[in-house]
Each structure stands twice: as C-alpha cells, then as structure tokens.
PDB file of N, CA and C in Angstrom:
ATOM      1  N   MET A   1      92.863  -2.153 155.251  1.00  0.00           N
ATOM      2  CA  MET A   1      93.319  -1.328 154.162  1.00  0.00           C
ATOM      3  C   MET A   1      94.747  -0.877 154.462  1.00  0.00           C
ATOM      4  N   ARG A   2      95.619  -1.019 153.520  1.00  0.00           N
ATOM      5  CA  ARG A   2      96.993  -0.545 153.677  1.00  0.00           C
ATOM      6  C   ARG A   2      97.049   0.956 153.472  1.00  0.00           C
ATOM      7  N   ASP A   3      98.179   1.557 153.854  1.00  0.00           N
ATOM      8  CA  ASP A   3      98.309   3.018 153.750  1.00  0.00           C
ATOM      9  C   ASP A   3      98.024   3.523 152.346  1.00  0.00           C
ATOM     10  N   ASN A   4      98.616   2.883 151.310  1.00  0.00           N
ATOM     11  CA  ASN A   4      98.332   3.314 149.937  1.00  0.00           C
ATOM     12  C   ASN A   4      96.860   3.122 149.603  1.00  0.00           C
ATOM     13  N   GLY A   5      96.305   2.029 150.083  1.00  0.00           N
ATOM     14  CA  GLY A   5      94.889   1.773 149.863  1.00  0.00           C
ATOM     15  C   GLY A   5      94.025   2.823 150.538  1.00  0.00           C
ATOM     16  N   ASN A   6      94.421   3.219 151.743  1.00  0.00           N
ATOM     17  CA  ASN A   6      93.685   4.264 152.452  1.00  0.00           C
ATOM     18  C   ASN A   6      93.689   5.560 151.657  1.00  0.00           C
ATOM     19  N   ALA A   7      94.841   5.916 151.105  1.00  0.00           N
ATOM     20  CA  ALA A   7      94.954   7.156 150.334  1.00  0.00           C
ATOM     21  C   ALA A   7      94.053   7.116 149.105  1.00  0.00           C
ATOM     22  N   ILE A   8      94.008   5.976 148.450  1.00  0.00           N
ATOM     23  CA  ILE A   8      93.165   5.837 147.256  1.00  0.00           C
ATOM     24  C   ILE A   8      91.694   5.931 147.639  1.00  0.00           C
ATOM     25  N   VAL A   9      91.308   5.234 148.701  1.00  0.00           N
ATOM     26  CA  VAL A   9      89.912   5.275 149.153  1.00  0.00           C
ATOM     27  C   VAL A   9      89.518   6.690 149.544  1.00  0.00           C
ATOM     28  N   ALA A  10      90.381   7.382 150.276  1.00  0.00           N
ATOM     29  CA  ALA A  10      90.091   8.763 150.684  1.00  0.00           C
ATOM     30  C   ALA A  10      89.946   9.655 149.457  1.00  0.00           C
ATOM     31  N   ALA A  11      90.815   9.460 148.464  1.00  0.00           N
ATOM     32  CA  ALA A  11      90.761  10.284 147.252  1.00  0.00           C
ATOM     33  C   ALA A  11      89.470  10.035 146.477  1.00  0.00           C
ATOM     34  N   VAL A  12      89.075   8.778 146.344  1.00  0.00           N
ATOM     35  CA  VAL A  12      87.836   8.455 145.618  1.00  0.00           C
ATOM     36  C   VAL A  12      86.628   9.029 146.357  1.00  0.00           C
ATOM     37  N   ALA A  13      86.620   8.905 147.695  1.00  0.00           N
ATOM     38  CA  ALA A  13      85.514   9.475 148.477  1.00  0.00           C
ATOM     39  C   ALA A  13      85.465  10.991 148.291  1.00  0.00           C
ATOM     40  N   GLN A  14      86.615  11.628 148.276  1.00  0.00           N
ATOM     41  CA  GLN A  14      86.673  13.083 148.086  1.00  0.00           C
ATOM     42  C   GLN A  14      86.177  13.491 146.697  1.00  0.00           C
ATOM     43  N   ILE A  15      86.563  12.719 145.689  1.00  0.00           N
ATOM     44  CA  ILE A  15      86.086  12.992 144.335  1.00  0.00           C
ATOM     45  C   ILE A  15      84.553  12.905 144.295  1.00  0.00           C
ATOM     46  N   GLY A  16      84.005  11.862 144.922  1.00  0.00           N
ATOM     47  CA  GLY A  16      82.551  11.717 144.972  1.00  0.00           C
ATOM     48  C   GLY A  16      81.891  12.901 145.641  1.00  0.00           C
ATOM     49  N   GLN A  17      82.450  13.354 146.752  1.00  0.00           N
ATOM     50  CA  GLN A  17      81.882  14.508 147.454  1.00  0.00           C
ATOM     51  C   GLN A  17      81.983  15.772 146.606  1.00  0.00           C
ATOM     52  N   THR A  18      83.134  15.962 145.967  1.00  0.00           N
ATOM     53  CA  THR A  18      83.342  17.155 145.144  1.00  0.00           C
ATOM     54  C   THR A  18      82.348  17.207 143.987  1.00  0.00           C
ATOM     55  N   LEU A  19      82.064  16.055 143.410  1.00  0.00           N
ATOM     56  CA  LEU A  19      81.142  15.982 142.278  1.00  0.00           C
ATOM     57  C   LEU A  19      79.685  15.776 142.710  1.00  0.00           C
ATOM     58  N   ASP A  20      79.449  15.812 144.024  1.00  0.00           N
ATOM     59  CA  ASP A  20      78.112  15.626 144.585  1.00  0.00           C
ATOM     60  C   ASP A  20      77.512  14.281 144.159  1.00  0.00           C
ATOM     61  N   LEU A  21      78.334  13.233 144.253  1.00  0.00           N
ATOM     62  CA  LEU A  21      77.907  11.876 143.922  1.00  0.00           C
ATOM     63  C   LEU A  21      77.844  11.027 145.184  1.00  0.00           C
ATOM     64  N   GLU A  22      76.936  10.064 145.202  1.00  0.00           N
ATOM     65  CA  GLU A  22      76.899   9.106 146.299  1.00  0.00           C
ATOM     66  C   GLU A  22      77.926   8.019 146.001  1.00  0.00           C
ATOM     67  N   THR A  23      78.809   7.760 146.953  1.00  0.00           N
ATOM     68  CA  THR A  23      79.860   6.773 146.780  1.00  0.00           C
ATOM     69  C   THR A  23      79.508   5.519 147.569  1.00  0.00           C
ATOM     70  N   ILE A  24      79.662   4.354 146.940  1.00  0.00           N
ATOM     71  CA  ILE A  24      79.385   3.074 147.577  1.00  0.00           C
ATOM     72  C   ILE A  24      80.679   2.263 147.592  1.00  0.00           C
ATOM     73  N   ALA A  25      81.112   1.852 148.783  1.00  0.00           N
ATOM     74  CA  ALA A  25      82.324   1.050 148.915  1.00  0.00           C
ATOM     75  C   ALA A  25      81.988  -0.428 148.742  1.00  0.00           C
ATOM     76  N   GLU A  26      82.789  -1.117 147.991  1.00  0.00           N
ATOM     77  CA  GLU A  26      82.626  -2.546 147.746  1.00  0.00           C
ATOM     78  C   GLU A  26      83.710  -3.291 148.514  1.00  0.00           C
ATOM     79  N   GLY A  27      83.364  -4.438 149.068  1.00  0.00           N
ATOM     80  CA  GLY A  27      84.363  -5.284 149.716  1.00  0.00           C
ATOM     81  C   GLY A  27      84.691  -4.890 151.144  1.00  0.00           C
ATOM     82  N   VAL A  28      83.725  -4.301 151.857  1.00  0.00           N
ATOM     83  CA  VAL A  28      83.953  -3.931 153.254  1.00  0.00           C
ATOM     84  C   VAL A  28      83.911  -5.212 154.089  1.00  0.00           C
ATOM     85  N   GLU A  29      85.028  -5.548 154.716  1.00  0.00           N
ATOM     86  CA  GLU A  29      85.124  -6.816 155.439  1.00  0.00           C
ATOM     87  C   GLU A  29      85.217  -6.673 156.947  1.00  0.00           C
ATOM     88  N   THR A  30      85.575  -5.507 157.461  1.00  0.00           N
ATOM     89  CA  THR A  30      85.738  -5.343 158.907  1.00  0.00           C
ATOM     90  C   THR A  30      85.068  -4.053 159.381  1.00  0.00           C
ATOM     91  N   GLU A  31      84.807  -3.994 160.691  1.00  0.00           N
ATOM     92  CA  GLU A  31      84.247  -2.777 161.281  1.00  0.00           C
ATOM     93  C   GLU A  31      85.243  -1.625 161.154  1.00  0.00           C
ATOM     94  N   GLU A  32      86.533  -1.923 161.251  1.00  0.00           N
ATOM     95  CA  GLU A  32      87.558  -0.881 161.092  1.00  0.00           C
ATOM     96  C   GLU A  32      87.471  -0.237 159.709  1.00  0.00           C
ATOM     97  N   GLN A  33      87.285  -1.041 158.674  1.00  0.00           N
ATOM     98  CA  GLN A  33      87.137  -0.499 157.327  1.00  0.00           C
ATOM     99  C   GLN A  33      85.882   0.356 157.230  1.00  0.00           C
ATOM    100  N   ALA A  34      84.779  -0.114 157.805  1.00  0.00           N
ATOM    101  CA  ALA A  34      83.528   0.647 157.767  1.00  0.00           C
ATOM    102  C   ALA A  34      83.703   1.988 158.478  1.00  0.00           C
ATOM    103  N   LYS A  35      84.408   1.988 159.595  1.00  0.00           N
ATOM    104  CA  LYS A  35      84.652   3.226 160.335  1.00  0.00           C
ATOM    105  C   LYS A  35      85.479   4.208 159.501  1.00  0.00           C
ATOM    106  N   LEU A  36      86.545   3.722 158.872  1.00  0.00           N
ATOM    107  CA  LEU A  36      87.365   4.585 158.020  1.00  0.00           C
ATOM    108  C   LEU A  36      86.549   5.174 156.875  1.00  0.00           C
ATOM    109  N   LEU A  37      85.714   4.358 156.278  1.00  0.00           N
ATOM    110  CA  LEU A  37      84.884   4.837 155.167  1.00  0.00           C
ATOM    111  C   LEU A  37      83.950   5.945 155.617  1.00  0.00           C
ATOM    112  N   ARG A  38      83.352   5.781 156.805  1.00  0.00           N
ATOM    113  CA  ARG A  38      82.493   6.846 157.342  1.00  0.00           C
ATOM    114  C   ARG A  38      83.298   8.122 157.549  1.00  0.00           C
ATOM    115  N   GLU A  39      84.508   7.980 158.090  1.00  0.00           N
ATOM    116  CA  GLU A  39      85.363   9.145 158.316  1.00  0.00           C
ATOM    117  C   GLU A  39      85.721   9.835 156.996  1.00  0.00           C
ATOM    118  N   TYR A  40      85.880   9.060 155.934  1.00  0.00           N
ATOM    119  CA  TYR A  40      86.212   9.622 154.624  1.00  0.00           C
ATOM    120  C   TYR A  40      84.996  10.212 153.928  1.00  0.00           C
ATOM    121  N   GLY A  41      83.808  10.032 154.511  1.00  0.00           N
ATOM    122  CA  GLY A  41      82.600  10.586 153.910  1.00  0.00           C
ATOM    123  C   GLY A  41      81.920   9.658 152.928  1.00  0.00           C
ATOM    124  N   CYS A  42      82.205   8.375 153.032  1.00  0.00           N
ATOM    125  CA  CYS A  42      81.558   7.375 152.167  1.00  0.00           C
ATOM    126  C   CYS A  42      80.451   6.704 152.988  1.00  0.00           C
ATOM    127  N   PRO A  43      79.183   7.069 152.763  1.00  0.00           N
ATOM    128  CA  PRO A  43      78.107   6.607 153.627  1.00  0.00           C
ATOM    129  C   PRO A  43      77.529   5.229 153.303  1.00  0.00           C
ATOM    130  N   TYR A  44      77.926   4.634 152.189  1.00  0.00           N
ATOM    131  CA  TYR A  44      77.346   3.355 151.785  1.00  0.00           C
ATOM    132  C   TYR A  44      78.432   2.320 151.545  1.00  0.00           C
ATOM    133  N   GLY A  45      78.087   1.063 151.819  1.00  0.00           N
ATOM    134  CA  GLY A  45      79.039  -0.001 151.557  1.00  0.00           C
ATOM    135  C   GLY A  45      78.361  -1.348 151.509  1.00  0.00           C
ATOM    136  N   GLN A  46      79.080  -2.293 150.973  1.00  0.00           N
ATOM    137  CA  GLN A  46      78.604  -3.666 150.961  1.00  0.00           C
ATOM    138  C   GLN A  46      79.808  -4.580 151.073  1.00  0.00           C
ATOM    139  N   GLY A  47      79.578  -5.759 151.588  1.00  0.00           N
ATOM    140  CA  GLY A  47      80.665  -6.710 151.759  1.00  0.00           C
ATOM    141  C   GLY A  47      80.387  -7.654 152.918  1.00  0.00           C
ATOM    142  N   TYR A  48      81.361  -8.515 153.224  1.00  0.00           N
ATOM    143  CA  TYR A  48      81.198  -9.527 154.259  1.00  0.00           C
ATOM    144  C   TYR A  48      80.939  -8.939 155.640  1.00  0.00           C
ATOM    145  N   GLN A  49      81.342  -7.700 155.880  1.00  0.00           N
ATOM    146  CA  GLN A  49      81.065  -7.069 157.176  1.00  0.00           C
ATOM    147  C   GLN A  49      79.564  -7.039 157.446  1.00  0.00           C
ATOM    148  N   PHE A  50      78.767  -6.948 156.412  1.00  0.00           N
ATOM    149  CA  PHE A  50      77.328  -6.798 156.566  1.00  0.00           C
ATOM    150  C   PHE A  50      76.564  -8.078 156.252  1.00  0.00           C
ATOM    151  N   ALA A  51      77.018  -8.834 155.281  1.00  0.00           N
ATOM    152  CA  ALA A  51      76.319 -10.070 154.912  1.00  0.00           C
ATOM    153  C   ALA A  51      77.196 -10.904 153.997  1.00  0.00           C
ATOM    154  N   ARG A  52      77.145 -12.198 154.184  1.00  0.00           N
ATOM    155  CA  ARG A  52      77.847 -13.118 153.290  1.00  0.00           C
ATOM    156  C   ARG A  52      77.077 -13.229 151.986  1.00  0.00           C
ATOM    157  N   SER A  53      77.736 -13.721 150.974  1.00  0.00           N
ATOM    158  CA  SER A  53      77.111 -13.872 149.663  1.00  0.00           C
ATOM    159  C   SER A  53      75.923 -14.824 149.729  1.00  0.00           C
ATOM    160  N   ARG A  54      74.887 -14.485 148.956  1.00  0.00           N
ATOM    161  CA  ARG A  54      73.717 -15.339 148.824  1.00  0.00           C
ATOM    162  C   ARG A  54      73.384 -15.446 147.346  1.00  0.00           C
ATOM    163  N   THR A  55      72.509 -16.356 147.038  1.00  0.00           N
ATOM    164  CA  THR A  55      72.068 -16.479 145.650  1.00  0.00           C
ATOM    165  C   THR A  55      71.065 -15.374 145.343  1.00  0.00           C
ATOM    166  N   ARG A  56      70.929 -15.054 144.088  1.00  0.00           N
ATOM    167  CA  ARG A  56      69.949 -14.048 143.653  1.00  0.00           C
ATOM    168  C   ARG A  56      68.546 -14.468 144.075  1.00  0.00           C
ATOM    169  N   GLN A  57      68.264 -15.752 143.948  1.00  0.00           N
ATOM    170  CA  GLN A  57      66.936 -16.257 144.315  1.00  0.00           C
ATOM    171  C   GLN A  57      66.674 -16.011 145.810  1.00  0.00           C
ATOM    172  N   ARG A  58      67.673 -16.268 146.663  1.00  0.00           N
ATOM    173  CA  ARG A  58      67.498 -16.060 148.101  1.00  0.00           C
ATOM    174  C   ARG A  58      67.309 -14.570 148.414  1.00  0.00           C
ATOM    175  N   ASP A  59      68.050 -13.699 147.745  1.00  0.00           N
ATOM    176  CA  ASP A  59      67.873 -12.260 147.945  1.00  0.00           C
ATOM    177  C   ASP A  59      66.450 -11.835 147.590  1.00  0.00           C
ATOM    178  N   ARG A  60      65.964 -12.312 146.466  1.00  0.00           N
ATOM    179  CA  ARG A  60      64.606 -11.953 146.047  1.00  0.00           C
ATOM    180  C   ARG A  60      63.581 -12.450 147.066  1.00  0.00           C
ATOM    181  N   GLN A  61      63.775 -13.666 147.609  1.00  0.00           N
ATOM    182  CA  GLN A  61      62.858 -14.192 148.617  1.00  0.00           C
ATOM    183  C   GLN A  61      62.859 -13.313 149.867  1.00  0.00           C
ATOM    184  N   LEU A  62      64.047 -12.934 150.333  1.00  0.00           N
ATOM    185  CA  LEU A  62      64.155 -12.109 151.537  1.00  0.00           C
ATOM    186  C   LEU A  62      63.540 -10.731 151.331  1.00  0.00           C
ATOM    187  N   LEU A  63      63.823 -10.115 150.189  1.00  0.00           N
ATOM    188  CA  LEU A  63      63.307  -8.777 149.926  1.00  0.00           C
ATOM    189  C   LEU A  63      61.804  -8.786 149.675  1.00  0.00           C
ATOM    190  N   THR A  64      61.312  -9.777 148.971  1.00  0.00           N
ATOM    191  CA  THR A  64      59.884  -9.870 148.690  1.00  0.00           C
ATOM    192  C   THR A  64      59.106 -10.110 149.979  1.00  0.00           C
ATOM    193  N   ALA A  65      59.676 -10.874 150.899  1.00  0.00           N
ATOM    194  CA  ALA A  65      59.009 -11.131 152.175  1.00  0.00           C
ATOM    195  C   ALA A  65      58.859  -9.850 152.991  1.00  0.00           C
ATOM    196  N   ARG A  66      59.723  -8.852 152.765  1.00  0.00           N
ATOM    197  CA  ARG A  66      59.673  -7.598 153.520  1.00  0.00           C
ATOM    198  C   ARG A  66      58.813  -6.535 152.847  1.00  0.00           C
ATOM    199  N   THR A  67      58.379  -6.768 151.622  1.00  0.00           N
ATOM    200  CA  THR A  67      57.597  -5.769 150.908  1.00  0.00           C
ATOM    201  C   THR A  67      56.296  -6.388 150.430  1.00  0.00           C
ATOM    202  N   SER A  68      55.376  -5.538 150.048  1.00  0.00           N
ATOM    203  CA  SER A  68      54.104  -6.035 149.534  1.00  0.00           C
ATOM    204  C   SER A  68      54.127  -6.203 148.023  1.00  0.00           C
ATOM    205  N   SER A  69      55.234  -5.769 147.382  1.00  0.00           N
ATOM    206  CA  SER A  69      55.324  -5.891 145.933  1.00  0.00           C
ATOM    207  C   SER A  69      56.583  -6.670 145.551  1.00  0.00           C
ATOM    208  N   PRO A  70      56.579  -7.307 144.397  1.00  0.00           N
ATOM    209  CA  PRO A  70      57.755  -8.047 143.964  1.00  0.00           C
ATOM    210  C   PRO A  70      58.959  -7.121 143.787  1.00  0.00           C
ATOM    211  N   VAL A  71      60.131  -7.668 143.995  1.00  0.00           N
ATOM    212  CA  VAL A  71      61.374  -6.917 143.849  1.00  0.00           C
ATOM    213  C   VAL A  71      61.890  -7.100 142.431  1.00  0.00           C
ATOM    214  N   PRO A  72      62.234  -6.017 141.731  1.00  0.00           N
ATOM    215  CA  PRO A  72      62.760  -6.163 140.381  1.00  0.00           C
ATOM    216  C   PRO A  72      64.077  -6.940 140.376  1.00  0.00           C
ATOM    217  N   ALA A  73      64.340  -7.655 139.310  1.00  0.00           N
ATOM    218  CA  ALA A  73      65.547  -8.473 139.212  1.00  0.00           C
ATOM    219  C   ALA A  73      66.813  -7.632 139.298  1.00  0.00           C
ATOM    220  N   THR A  74      66.748  -6.357 138.960  1.00  0.00           N
ATOM    221  CA  THR A  74      67.937  -5.509 138.956  1.00  0.00           C
ATOM    222  C   THR A  74      68.016  -4.609 140.188  1.00  0.00           C
ATOM    223  N   SER A  75      67.278  -4.940 141.236  1.00  0.00           N
ATOM    224  CA  SER A  75      67.268  -4.103 142.430  1.00  0.00           C
ATOM    225  C   SER A  75      68.656  -4.026 143.058  1.00  0.00           C
ATOM    226  N   PRO A  76      69.217  -2.805 143.228  1.00  0.00           N
ATOM    227  CA  PRO A  76      70.550  -2.677 143.828  1.00  0.00           C
ATOM    228  C   PRO A  76      70.480  -2.920 145.334  1.00  0.00           C
ATOM    229  N   LEU A  77      71.508  -3.551 145.860  1.00  0.00           N
ATOM    230  CA  LEU A  77      71.588  -3.809 147.286  1.00  0.00           C
ATOM    231  C   LEU A  77      72.789  -3.094 147.860  1.00  0.00           C
ATOM    232  N   GLY A  78      72.667  -2.518 149.011  1.00  0.00           N
ATOM    233  CA  GLY A  78      73.775  -1.853 149.684  1.00  0.00           C
ATOM    234  C   GLY A  78      73.400  -1.581 151.122  1.00  0.00           C
ATOM    235  N   ILE A  79      74.370  -1.278 151.916  1.00  0.00           N
ATOM    236  CA  ILE A  79      74.162  -1.034 153.321  1.00  0.00           C
ATOM    237  C   ILE A  79      74.564   0.401 153.629  1.00  0.00           C
ATOM    238  N   VAL A  80      73.756   1.088 154.426  1.00  0.00           N
ATOM    239  CA  VAL A  80      74.099   2.443 154.841  1.00  0.00           C
ATOM    240  C   VAL A  80      75.048   2.331 156.027  1.00  0.00           C
ATOM    241  N   LEU A  81      76.186   2.981 155.951  1.00  0.00           N
ATOM    242  CA  LEU A  81      77.207   2.888 156.973  1.00  0.00           C
ATOM    243  C   LEU A  81      76.993   3.836 158.130  1.00  0.00           C
ATOM    244  N   THR A  82      76.124   4.809 157.996  1.00  0.00           N
ATOM    245  CA  THR A  82      75.952   5.795 159.059  1.00  0.00           C
ATOM    246  C   THR A  82      74.955   5.364 160.080  1.00  0.00           C
TER     247      THR A  82
END
C-alpha cells in the first residue's frame, strides 16, 4: 500500500469503527498489508494472502465437506485477520 493508499485505508477503517460497522478489506496480498489492516482496526480481509481464486463450485464443495448442511449459494466468504 502506498502512503496515500494507507491514509485512505486508515480513514475507511476509522469510519467503520465510528459507525460501529464491521469492515472487510478486499485485495489483501501480503502479510504486511494484513498487519497494517489489523493496526488500523480492520479485523477482516480477503485476497491472495489467504487463498487464491477458486470456482464457486469448488468453494461449495469445500464448505459443504466441513459442515453437515448444504452451503447457500450466497454464503459470504472472508478471513478473520486477528
């Protein structure tokens, strides 16, 4: 993240905290980015740092294998950064 990008990310995380909203970062590609997001108070993220892209069908197979019930087609996916 560049300096201007850092400022924007910090501001968005702060807005989320001020409004008591859960903020999810998209496009987290490195551990350094994940660390900065945690420092800014953004506890959730998704991106290549955690998993490469997969097909919807593969996601449903993986999630269904871990649960006893089918996964809805609109199930949100994200990673907890903390």
